[in-house]
Amino acid sequence: MSTAMTSREAFPVTMGDLTVFCESFKASAVKAINEENTVNGKSLMTSSAVRSLRLVFSGRIYDMSSSVGILVDLGGAMTSDRTYTVIYRGVRFSGCIMQKYELTDSGNDWYDVSFTLITFDEAEVSEE
């Protein structure tokens, strides 16, 4: 039995003016469910609500300038009410706002970056 080795290149993900070459992606969603006990001791679901979808993109941003101007762009995304549309591997996520970012400068020609976006919109297949 042979095992094939596979590899893939990082996918470019654009958020506003930033392009991240995404090497890792994680999506998570949760549904909040309220339960109450009935008079006969059984459980009853009284309500449920879908919480925001969290998207975590990790990868590299290439920036050959001597300043770390990318921090200004990321900081602006954190403090503004701007929403973003992000397409990852043919899936469009609309109405995204930035919840968190991390940037590491290790002295390379790129910055390692990770950012978390949240959205209440449903994902859809992109036509692009």
Foldseek 3Di string as FASTA:
>chain_A
DDDDDDDDWFCWKDWPPFTFRFPDKDKDWDKDWDWDADPVGDIDTPDIDIDWIKMKTKGKTADQDPDPCVVVVVVVLQPDCDWTWIDDPQKIDTRKGWDDKDWACPPDRIIIMMTMIIDPDDIDGDPD
